[in-house]
Amino acid sequence: MNISDNLLVEQLKKGSEKAFDSLYRFYYPGLCLFGKKYVNDLETAEEIVQDVFIKIWERRENLIPETLFKTYLYTSVRNGCIDFLRKQKVRDNYSKDFIHTNEATTTEEETDDLYLINQIKQAIDRLPKQRKKIVKMNRYFGLKYKEIAEKLNISPKTVENQMGIALKQLREALKDIMTLIILIILYNYWQIVILILSY
């Protein structure tokens, strides 16, 4: 696709969604497999590749058609994977330090928090793959329905419907501990629970 890349990039630079879609569909599968070699997780690799394409669309006016687009894509995905791994290492180190520091001072309230967080995490993880991804992108990362739709190449209405179904499933899955969740909301600042219940 090297010969036509320049033409498509030139059209993309002018705002052509059709050119963007052609490049996306052609390169997406290979880029995901490439990213998986770095992060060892296909779902994470897919999100990184989607982020790369979103940035390309947002910065399309700065593209240089004469540049080898394939090389640019793979370099961007590699850099995205490295950045992800770097942030993950920082998070892991912080978590270890936090656990070590607080091992001797864990209160009953903190234990309840951890229990509820684990229950909600498990409930979310039991959702179908795409529905779970939509919930995480919206609730964890604060993406709007339109942004999620662009990342996943689906319509905003589909995102809205999937979120509605997911939240109903989560409420049903968590109904046995709903009283405890409400108490946590009243006496704590647990953001993720508030977000789930306030939808």
Foldseek 3Di string as FASTA:
>chain_A
DQVCQLVLLVVLLVPDPVSLVVVCVVCLVVQLVLLCVLQVDSVVLLLLLLVLSVVCSVPSNPDDSVDRVVVVSNVSSVVSSVVVVVVVVVVVVVVVVVCVVCVVPQDPLNVLVVVVVVQLVVLLVPDPDVLSVLCCCCLVVPDQLCSSCSSVVHDSVVSVVSPVVSLVSSCVSCVVCVVVLVVCVVPHPPRSSCVSVVD
